[in-house]
């Protein structure tokens, strides 16, 4: 899941080398912290948060197959 978010985020931004995803995991819940360049935050969030919502939807679909809950946080 971490790799999927990293690949999708790198495709969206202008500076893909600055994309990093850190995972803080528990037994049933994981938190993915997505960090991008300051200039690229708007591209990852999208208009009214639609791109971020789409990333979260994909993440929920993949994590449901593994019977886990995964949260995505976009770090400023």
PDB file of N, CA and C in Angstrom:
ATOM      1  N   UNK A   1       0.820  -1.189   0.000  1.00  0.00           N
ATOM      2  CA  UNK A   1       0.000   0.000   0.000  1.00  0.00           C
ATOM      3  C   UNK A   1       0.867   1.257   0.000  1.00  0.00           C
ATOM      4  N   UNK A   2       1.932   1.194   0.761  1.00  0.00           N
ATOM      5  CA  UNK A   2       2.856   2.323   0.818  1.00  0.00           C
ATOM      6  C   UNK A   2       3.432   2.608  -0.567  1.00  0.00           C
ATOM      7  N   UNK A   3       3.803   1.551  -1.272  1.00  0.00           N
ATOM      8  CA  UNK A   3       4.381   1.703  -2.599  1.00  0.00           C
ATOM      9  C   UNK A   3       3.358   2.254  -3.584  1.00  0.00           C
ATOM     10  N   UNK A   4       2.106   1.827  -3.459  1.00  0.00           N
ATOM     11  CA  UNK A   4       1.056   2.294  -4.357  1.00  0.00           C
ATOM     12  C   UNK A   4       0.854   3.810  -4.214  1.00  0.00           C
ATOM     13  N   UNK A   5       0.777   4.289  -2.988  1.00  0.00           N
ATOM     14  CA  UNK A   5       0.593   5.729  -2.758  1.00  0.00           C
ATOM     15  C   UNK A   5       1.800   6.493  -3.260  1.00  0.00           C
ATOM     16  N   UNK A   6       2.983   5.957  -3.063  1.00  0.00           N
ATOM     17  CA  UNK A   6       4.200   6.629  -3.521  1.00  0.00           C
ATOM     18  C   UNK A   6       4.226   6.739  -5.046  1.00  0.00           C
ATOM     19  N   UNK A   7       3.848   5.677  -5.740  1.00  0.00           N
ATOM     20  CA  UNK A   7       3.830   5.687  -7.209  1.00  0.00           C
ATOM     21  C   UNK A   7       2.804   6.681  -7.728  1.00  0.00           C
ATOM     22  N   UNK A   8       1.609   6.670  -7.144  1.00  0.00           N
ATOM     23  CA  UNK A   8       0.555   7.593  -7.578  1.00  0.00           C
ATOM     24  C   UNK A   8       0.937   9.047  -7.308  1.00  0.00           C
ATOM     25  N   UNK A   9       1.524   9.308  -6.148  1.00  0.00           N
ATOM     26  CA  UNK A   9       1.918  10.674  -5.807  1.00  0.00           C
ATOM     27  C   UNK A   9       3.033  11.168  -6.725  1.00  0.00           C
ATOM     28  N   UNK A  10       3.994  10.301  -7.043  1.00  0.00           N
ATOM     29  CA  UNK A  10       5.088  10.702  -7.944  1.00  0.00           C
ATOM     30  C   UNK A  10       4.564  11.053  -9.333  1.00  0.00           C
ATOM     31  N   UNK A  11       3.486  10.392  -9.754  1.00  0.00           N
ATOM     32  CA  UNK A  11       2.903  10.680 -11.063  1.00  0.00           C
ATOM     33  C   UNK A  11       2.182  12.027 -11.073  1.00  0.00           C
ATOM     34  N   UNK A  12       1.744  12.493  -9.924  1.00  0.00           N
ATOM     35  CA  UNK A  12       0.967  13.735  -9.851  1.00  0.00           C
ATOM     36  C   UNK A  12       1.824  14.997  -9.739  1.00  0.00           C
ATOM     37  N   UNK A  13       2.986  14.906  -9.140  1.00  0.00           N
ATOM     38  CA  UNK A  13       3.759  16.094  -8.767  1.00  0.00           C
ATOM     39  C   UNK A  13       4.820  16.455  -9.811  1.00  0.00           C
ATOM     40  N   UNK A  14       5.354  17.684  -9.674  1.00  0.00           N
ATOM     41  CA  UNK A  14       6.424  18.151 -10.556  1.00  0.00           C
ATOM     42  C   UNK A  14       7.804  17.711 -10.069  1.00  0.00           C
ATOM     43  N   UNK A  15       7.940  17.496  -8.755  1.00  0.00           N
ATOM     44  CA  UNK A  15       9.218  17.093  -8.175  1.00  0.00           C
ATOM     45  C   UNK A  15       9.080  15.712  -7.528  1.00  0.00           C
ATOM     46  N   UNK A  16       9.085  14.644  -8.334  1.00  0.00           N
ATOM     47  CA  UNK A  16       8.846  13.312  -7.782  1.00  0.00           C
ATOM     48  C   UNK A  16       9.939  12.812  -6.834  1.00  0.00           C
ATOM     49  N   UNK A  17      11.129  13.387  -6.931  1.00  0.00           N
ATOM     50  CA  UNK A  17      12.205  12.932  -6.046  1.00  0.00           C
ATOM     51  C   UNK A  17      11.990  13.359  -4.601  1.00  0.00           C
ATOM     52  N   UNK A  18      11.098  14.326  -4.359  1.00  0.00           N
ATOM     53  CA  UNK A  18      10.826  14.797  -3.000  1.00  0.00           C
ATOM     54  C   UNK A  18       9.622  14.098  -2.362  1.00  0.00           C
ATOM     55  N   UNK A  19       9.053  13.133  -3.037  1.00  0.00           N
ATOM     56  CA  UNK A  19       7.904  12.397  -2.485  1.00  0.00           C
ATOM     57  C   UNK A  19       8.409  11.322  -1.541  1.00  0.00           C
ATOM     58  N   UNK A  20       7.831  11.276  -0.342  1.00  0.00           N
ATOM     59  CA  UNK A  20       8.155  10.197   0.590  1.00  0.00           C
ATOM     60  C   UNK A  20       6.889   9.807   1.345  1.00  0.00           C
ATOM     61  N   UNK A  21       6.817   8.523   1.657  1.00  0.00           N
ATOM     62  CA  UNK A  21       5.679   7.983   2.397  1.00  0.00           C
ATOM     63  C   UNK A  21       6.233   7.235   3.598  1.00  0.00           C
ATOM     64  N   UNK A  22       5.804   7.650   4.790  1.00  0.00           N
ATOM     65  CA  UNK A  22       6.215   6.979   6.018  1.00  0.00           C
ATOM     66  C   UNK A  22       5.011   6.252   6.590  1.00  0.00           C
ATOM     67  N   UNK A  23       5.234   5.020   7.020  1.00  0.00           N
ATOM     68  CA  UNK A  23       4.140   4.209   7.549  1.00  0.00           C
ATOM     69  C   UNK A  23       4.326   3.968   9.032  1.00  0.00           C
ATOM     70  N   UNK A  24       3.279   4.293   9.782  1.00  0.00           N
ATOM     71  CA  UNK A  24       3.237   3.988  11.203  1.00  0.00           C
ATOM     72  C   UNK A  24       2.161   2.931  11.358  1.00  0.00           C
ATOM     73  N   UNK A  25       2.566   1.730  11.660  1.00  0.00           N
ATOM     74  CA  UNK A  25       1.621   0.624  11.622  1.00  0.00           C
ATOM     75  C   UNK A  25       1.277   0.071  12.979  1.00  0.00           C
ATOM     76  N   UNK A  26       0.074  -0.423  13.063  1.00  0.00           N
ATOM     77  CA  UNK A  26      -0.388  -1.158  14.217  1.00  0.00           C
ATOM     78  C   UNK A  26      -0.850  -2.524  13.742  1.00  0.00           C
ATOM     79  N   UNK A  27      -1.554  -3.220  14.588  1.00  0.00           N
ATOM     80  CA  UNK A  27      -2.006  -4.543  14.209  1.00  0.00           C
ATOM     81  C   UNK A  27      -3.143  -4.479  13.194  1.00  0.00           C
ATOM     82  N   UNK A  28      -4.103  -3.578  13.411  1.00  0.00           N
ATOM     83  CA  UNK A  28      -5.252  -3.505  12.523  1.00  0.00           C
ATOM     84  C   UNK A  28      -5.347  -2.180  11.776  1.00  0.00           C
ATOM     85  N   UNK A  29      -4.611  -1.183  12.195  1.00  0.00           N
ATOM     86  CA  UNK A  29      -4.684   0.137  11.578  1.00  0.00           C
ATOM     87  C   UNK A  29      -3.284   0.650  11.277  1.00  0.00           C
ATOM     88  N   UNK A  30      -3.134   1.231  10.097  1.00  0.00           N
ATOM     89  CA  UNK A  30      -1.863   1.847   9.705  1.00  0.00           C
ATOM     90  C   UNK A  30      -2.137   3.286   9.289  1.00  0.00           C
ATOM     91  N   UNK A  31      -1.144   4.139   9.488  1.00  0.00           N
ATOM     92  CA  UNK A  31      -1.230   5.525   9.045  1.00  0.00           C
ATOM     93  C   UNK A  31      -0.094   5.764   8.075  1.00  0.00           C
ATOM     94  N   UNK A  32      -0.448   6.249   6.878  1.00  0.00           N
ATOM     95  CA  UNK A  32       0.552   6.605   5.878  1.00  0.00           C
ATOM     96  C   UNK A  32       0.661   8.122   5.842  1.00  0.00           C
ATOM     97  N   UNK A  33       1.858   8.630   6.064  1.00  0.00           N
ATOM     98  CA  UNK A  33       2.107  10.069   6.027  1.00  0.00           C
ATOM     99  C   UNK A  33       2.805  10.394   4.709  1.00  0.00           C
ATOM    100  N   UNK A  34       2.110  11.110   3.841  1.00  0.00           N
ATOM    101  CA  UNK A  34       2.632  11.477   2.531  1.00  0.00           C
ATOM    102  C   UNK A  34       3.239  12.872   2.609  1.00  0.00           C
ATOM    103  N   UNK A  35       4.499  12.980   2.221  1.00  0.00           N
ATOM    104  CA  UNK A  35       5.201  14.257   2.222  1.00  0.00           C
ATOM    105  C   UNK A  35       5.633  14.576   0.799  1.00  0.00           C
ATOM    106  N   UNK A  36       5.299  15.786   0.338  1.00  0.00           N
ATOM    107  CA  UNK A  36       5.702  16.253  -0.990  1.00  0.00           C
ATOM    108  C   UNK A  36       6.287  17.651  -0.841  1.00  0.00           C
ATOM    109  N   UNK A  37       6.828  18.184  -1.933  1.00  0.00           N
ATOM    110  CA  UNK A  37       7.368  19.545  -1.923  1.00  0.00           C
ATOM    111  C   UNK A  37       6.231  20.538  -1.671  1.00  0.00           C
ATOM    112  N   UNK A  38       6.555  21.662  -1.068  1.00  0.00           N
ATOM    113  CA  UNK A  38       5.547  22.683  -0.758  1.00  0.00           C
ATOM    114  C   UNK A  38       4.765  23.099  -2.000  1.00  0.00           C
ATOM    115  N   UNK A  39       5.434  23.223  -3.121  1.00  0.00           N
ATOM    116  CA  UNK A  39       4.766  23.669  -4.351  1.00  0.00           C
ATOM    117  C   UNK A  39       3.829  22.607  -4.916  1.00  0.00           C
ATOM    118  N   UNK A  40       3.993  21.363  -4.500  1.00  0.00           N
ATOM    119  CA  UNK A  40       3.200  20.270  -5.052  1.00  0.00           C
ATOM    120  C   UNK A  40       2.029  19.843  -4.171  1.00  0.00           C
ATOM    121  N   UNK A  41       1.865  20.446  -3.025  1.00  0.00           N
ATOM    122  CA  UNK A  41       0.779  20.046  -2.119  1.00  0.00           C
ATOM    123  C   UNK A  41      -0.577  20.231  -2.782  1.00  0.00           C
ATOM    124  N   UNK A  42      -0.751  21.310  -3.509  1.00  0.00           N
ATOM    125  CA  UNK A  42      -2.022  21.559  -4.186  1.00  0.00           C
ATOM    126  C   UNK A  42      -2.360  20.500  -5.218  1.00  0.00           C
ATOM    127  N   UNK A  43      -1.352  19.954  -5.855  1.00  0.00           N
ATOM    128  CA  UNK A  43      -1.587  18.919  -6.864  1.00  0.00           C
ATOM    129  C   UNK A  43      -2.010  17.601  -6.230  1.00  0.00           C
ATOM    130  N   UNK A  44      -1.504  17.327  -5.053  1.00  0.00           N
ATOM    131  CA  UNK A  44      -1.867  16.089  -4.371  1.00  0.00           C
ATOM    132  C   UNK A  44      -3.244  16.219  -3.721  1.00  0.00           C
ATOM    133  N   UNK A  45      -3.566  17.399  -3.223  1.00  0.00           N
ATOM    134  CA  UNK A  45      -4.862  17.609  -2.579  1.00  0.00           C
ATOM    135  C   UNK A  45      -5.961  17.760  -3.632  1.00  0.00           C
ATOM    136  N   UNK A  46      -5.714  18.557  -4.666  1.00  0.00           N
ATOM    137  CA  UNK A  46      -6.694  18.745  -5.729  1.00  0.00           C
ATOM    138  C   UNK A  46      -7.765  19.764  -5.360  1.00  0.00           C
ATOM    139  N   UNK A  47      -8.634  20.062  -6.319  1.00  0.00           N
ATOM    140  CA  UNK A  47      -9.720  21.007  -6.071  1.00  0.00           C
ATOM    141  C   UNK A  47     -10.686  20.427  -5.056  1.00  0.00           C
ATOM    142  N   UNK A  48     -10.904  21.179  -3.999  1.00  0.00           N
ATOM    143  CA  UNK A  48     -11.800  20.797  -2.905  1.00  0.00           C
ATOM    144  C   UNK A  48     -11.459  19.423  -2.337  1.00  0.00           C
ATOM    145  N   UNK A  49     -10.199  19.022  -2.439  1.00  0.00           N
ATOM    146  CA  UNK A  49      -9.746  17.763  -1.857  1.00  0.00           C
ATOM    147  C   UNK A  49     -10.118  16.523  -2.637  1.00  0.00           C
ATOM    148  N   UNK A  50     -10.509  16.691  -3.891  1.00  0.00           N
ATOM    149  CA  UNK A  50     -10.978  15.542  -4.673  1.00  0.00           C
ATOM    150  C   UNK A  50      -9.873  14.535  -4.970  1.00  0.00           C
ATOM    151  N   UNK A  51      -8.672  15.007  -5.270  1.00  0.00           N
ATOM    152  CA  UNK A  51      -7.568  14.081  -5.555  1.00  0.00           C
ATOM    153  C   UNK A  51      -7.185  13.312  -4.298  1.00  0.00           C
ATOM    154  N   UNK A  52      -7.131  14.008  -3.166  1.00  0.00           N
ATOM    155  CA  UNK A  52      -6.826  13.337  -1.900  1.00  0.00           C
ATOM    156  C   UNK A  52      -7.906  12.321  -1.563  1.00  0.00           C
ATOM    157  N   UNK A  53      -9.172  12.657  -1.803  1.00  0.00           N
ATOM    158  CA  UNK A  53     -10.263  11.712  -1.555  1.00  0.00           C
ATOM    159  C   UNK A  53     -10.141  10.486  -2.448  1.00  0.00           C
ATOM    160  N   UNK A  54      -9.743  10.692  -3.704  1.00  0.00           N
ATOM    161  CA  UNK A  54      -9.570   9.565  -4.621  1.00  0.00           C
ATOM    162  C   UNK A  54      -8.432   8.656  -4.155  1.00  0.00           C
ATOM    163  N   UNK A  55      -7.334   9.238  -3.687  1.00  0.00           N
ATOM    164  CA  UNK A  55      -6.229   8.437  -3.161  1.00  0.00           C
ATOM    165  C   UNK A  55      -6.680   7.633  -1.945  1.00  0.00           C
ATOM    166  N   UNK A  56      -7.459   8.266  -1.071  1.00  0.00           N
ATOM    167  CA  UNK A  56      -7.961   7.578   0.126  1.00  0.00           C
ATOM    168  C   UNK A  56      -8.926   6.452  -0.247  1.00  0.00           C
ATOM    169  N   UNK A  57      -9.747   6.672  -1.272  1.00  0.00           N
ATOM    170  CA  UNK A  57     -10.678   5.631  -1.717  1.00  0.00           C
ATOM    171  C   UNK A  57      -9.928   4.414  -2.235  1.00  0.00           C
ATOM    172  N   UNK A  58      -8.908   4.647  -3.059  1.00  0.00           N
ATOM    173  CA  UNK A  58      -8.090   3.533  -3.556  1.00  0.00           C
ATOM    174  C   UNK A  58      -7.390   2.804  -2.407  1.00  0.00           C
ATOM    175  N   UNK A  59      -6.894   3.572  -1.465  1.00  0.00           N
ATOM    176  CA  UNK A  59      -6.205   2.994  -0.315  1.00  0.00           C
ATOM    177  C   UNK A  59      -7.159   2.146   0.521  1.00  0.00           C
ATOM    178  N   UNK A  60      -8.384   2.626   0.718  1.00  0.00           N
ATOM    179  CA  UNK A  60      -9.372   1.859   1.481  1.00  0.00           C
ATOM    180  C   UNK A  60      -9.751   0.570   0.770  1.00  0.00           C
ATOM    181  N   UNK A  61      -9.854   0.617  -0.548  1.00  0.00           N
ATOM    182  CA  UNK A  61     -10.206  -0.582  -1.308  1.00  0.00           C
ATOM    183  C   UNK A  61      -9.117  -1.645  -1.194  1.00  0.00           C
ATOM    184  N   UNK A  62      -7.869  -1.222  -1.287  1.00  0.00           N
ATOM    185  CA  UNK A  62      -6.755  -2.175  -1.192  1.00  0.00           C
ATOM    186  C   UNK A  62      -6.623  -2.708   0.230  1.00  0.00           C
ATOM    187  N   UNK A  63      -6.763  -1.842   1.220  1.00  0.00           N
ATOM    188  CA  UNK A  63      -6.595  -2.289   2.602  1.00  0.00           C
ATOM    189  C   UNK A  63      -7.766  -3.150   3.066  1.00  0.00           C
ATOM    190  N   UNK A  64      -8.945  -2.989   2.476  1.00  0.00           N
ATOM    191  CA  UNK A  64     -10.088  -3.827   2.845  1.00  0.00           C
ATOM    192  C   UNK A  64      -9.834  -5.282   2.457  1.00  0.00           C
ATOM    193  N   UNK A  65      -9.126  -5.492   1.368  1.00  0.00           N
ATOM    194  CA  UNK A  65      -8.790  -6.859   0.968  1.00  0.00           C
ATOM    195  C   UNK A  65      -7.896  -7.543   2.001  1.00  0.00           C
ATOM    196  N   UNK A  66      -7.062  -6.748   2.661  1.00  0.00           N
ATOM    197  CA  UNK A  66      -6.153  -7.289   3.670  1.00  0.00           C
ATOM    198  C   UNK A  66      -6.756  -7.266   5.067  1.00  0.00           C
ATOM    199  N   UNK A  67      -8.024  -6.841   5.145  1.00  0.00           N
ATOM    200  CA  UNK A  67      -8.738  -6.737   6.419  1.00  0.00           C
ATOM    201  C   UNK A  67      -8.005  -5.837   7.413  1.00  0.00           C
ATOM    202  N   UNK A  68      -7.504  -4.717   6.889  1.00  0.00           N
ATOM    203  CA  UNK A  68      -6.848  -3.701   7.703  1.00  0.00           C
ATOM    204  C   UNK A  68      -7.511  -2.367   7.418  1.00  0.00           C
ATOM    205  N   UNK A  69      -7.249  -1.399   8.238  1.00  0.00           N
ATOM    206  CA  UNK A  69      -7.708  -0.035   8.018  1.00  0.00           C
ATOM    207  C   UNK A  69      -6.467   0.827   7.859  1.00  0.00           C
ATOM    208  N   UNK A  70      -6.451   1.613   6.804  1.00  0.00           N
ATOM    209  CA  UNK A  70      -5.296   2.463   6.529  1.00  0.00           C
ATOM    210  C   UNK A  70      -5.763   3.885   6.329  1.00  0.00           C
ATOM    211  N   UNK A  71      -5.098   4.824   6.989  1.00  0.00           N
ATOM    212  CA  UNK A  71      -5.419   6.244   6.882  1.00  0.00           C
ATOM    213  C   UNK A  71      -4.297   6.949   6.132  1.00  0.00           C
ATOM    214  N   UNK A  72      -4.666   7.929   5.321  1.00  0.00           N
ATOM    215  CA  UNK A  72      -3.683   8.712   4.579  1.00  0.00           C
ATOM    216  C   UNK A  72      -3.698  10.136   5.095  1.00  0.00           C
ATOM    217  N   UNK A  73      -2.536  10.607   5.509  1.00  0.00           N
ATOM    218  CA  UNK A  73      -2.376  11.991   5.948  1.00  0.00           C
ATOM    219  C   UNK A  73      -1.359  12.657   5.033  1.00  0.00           C
ATOM    220  N   UNK A  74      -1.719  13.837   4.548  1.00  0.00           N
ATOM    221  CA  UNK A  74      -0.824  14.612   3.698  1.00  0.00           C
ATOM    222  C   UNK A  74      -0.160  15.661   4.594  1.00  0.00           C
ATOM    223  N   UNK A  75       1.140  15.545   4.741  1.00  0.00           N
ATOM    224  CA  UNK A  75       1.900  16.396   5.666  1.00  0.00           C
ATOM    225  C   UNK A  75       2.349  17.658   4.938  1.00  0.00           C
ATOM    226  N   UNK A  76       2.150  18.792   5.570  1.00  0.00           N
ATOM    227  CA  UNK A  76       2.566  20.087   4.985  1.00  0.00           C
ATOM    228  C   UNK A  76       4.071  20.207   4.975  1.00  0.00           C
TER     229      UNK A  76
END
